[in-house]
Protein backbone atom coordinates (compact mmCIF):
# COMPACT_ATOMS: atom_id res chain seq x y z
CA MET A 1 12.08 -24.21 -27.09
CA THR A 2 8.63 -24.40 -25.32
CA THR A 3 7.38 -20.81 -24.17
CA THR A 4 4.93 -20.53 -21.27
CA THR A 5 3.32 -17.45 -19.83
CA SER A 6 1.51 -17.17 -16.65
CA THR A 7 -0.64 -14.75 -15.47
CA ILE A 8 0.86 -14.36 -11.87
CA PRO A 9 3.85 -12.21 -11.87
CA ILE A 10 6.64 -13.86 -10.25
CA THR A 11 8.84 -11.41 -8.04
CA ALA A 12 12.46 -12.44 -7.17
CA ALA A 13 12.12 -11.90 -3.16
CA ALA A 14 9.57 -12.28 -0.79
CA PRO A 15 7.62 -9.13 -0.14
CA ALA A 16 8.20 -7.61 2.88
CA LYS A 17 5.70 -7.72 5.79
CA PRO A 18 4.37 -4.33 7.30
CA THR A 19 5.10 -2.68 10.16
CA ASP A 20 1.42 -2.79 11.39
CA ILE A 21 1.10 -6.51 11.55
CA VAL A 22 2.85 -8.10 14.59
CA ASP A 23 3.52 -11.28 15.53
CA ARG A 24 2.10 -12.57 12.02
CA GLU A 25 5.53 -14.22 10.74
CA LYS A 26 4.08 -17.79 9.96
CA PRO A 27 0.91 -16.98 8.20
CA TRP A 28 3.25 -14.12 6.18
CA ASP A 29 5.77 -16.75 5.31
CA GLU A 30 3.35 -19.09 4.39
CA LEU A 31 1.36 -16.88 2.12
CA ALA A 32 4.74 -15.57 0.65
CA ALA A 33 5.82 -19.18 -0.05
CA ALA A 34 2.39 -19.76 -2.38
CA TRP A 35 2.65 -16.39 -3.66
CA MET A 36 6.53 -17.10 -4.93
CA SER A 37 5.84 -20.84 -6.13
CA GLY A 38 4.73 -19.58 -9.58
CA LYS A 39 2.11 -22.77 -9.94
CA PRO A 40 -1.78 -22.30 -8.75
CA GLU A 41 -2.20 -22.60 -4.84
CA LEU A 42 -4.81 -22.57 -2.48
CA LEU A 43 -4.60 -21.85 1.34
CA ILE A 44 -7.00 -21.70 3.72
CA GLY A 45 -7.24 -20.09 6.69
CA LEU A 46 -8.60 -21.13 9.97
CA GLY A 47 -8.85 -19.53 13.45
CA ARG A 48 -10.62 -17.89 16.05
CA ARG A 49 -12.89 -14.63 14.97
CA ARG A 50 -11.66 -11.34 15.35
CA ALA A 51 -8.09 -12.63 15.01
CA GLY A 52 -7.03 -11.14 12.18
CA LYS A 53 -7.04 -13.23 9.52
CA SER A 54 -8.70 -10.83 7.05
CA PHE A 55 -6.33 -8.01 8.15
CA VAL A 56 -3.46 -10.23 7.08
CA LEU A 57 -4.45 -11.34 3.82
CA ALA A 58 -5.87 -7.68 2.62
CA ARG A 59 -2.33 -6.04 3.67
CA PHE A 60 -0.40 -9.25 1.59
CA ALA A 61 -2.72 -8.15 -1.53
CA LYS A 62 -1.73 -4.64 -1.15
CA ALA A 63 1.88 -5.69 -0.64
CA VAL A 64 1.99 -8.08 -4.03
CA GLY A 65 -0.16 -5.73 -5.47
CA GLY A 66 -3.22 -7.75 -5.60
CA VAL A 67 -6.77 -7.93 -5.24
CA TYR A 68 -8.47 -8.46 -1.52
CA TYR A 69 -12.31 -8.22 -2.00
CA GLN A 70 -14.69 -9.81 1.03
CA ALA A 71 -18.40 -10.45 -0.20
CA THR A 72 -20.42 -9.32 2.84
CA LYS A 73 -23.64 -11.08 1.99
């Protein structure tokens, strides 16, 4: 019998999208799918300035009990 361990907790259901995030179903669903995949994932967020990319990432990290850090310099 082989036992594997993971440092990333896997939840049974996708994290619920907070009510203060409006019209971000696709990015939220993609983040949730990567989180629940059970394997390492790399996602790249591209878009216009001031479009809310960092806000969605920060709220997702909070929803799953993760850490979001944004370097400023």
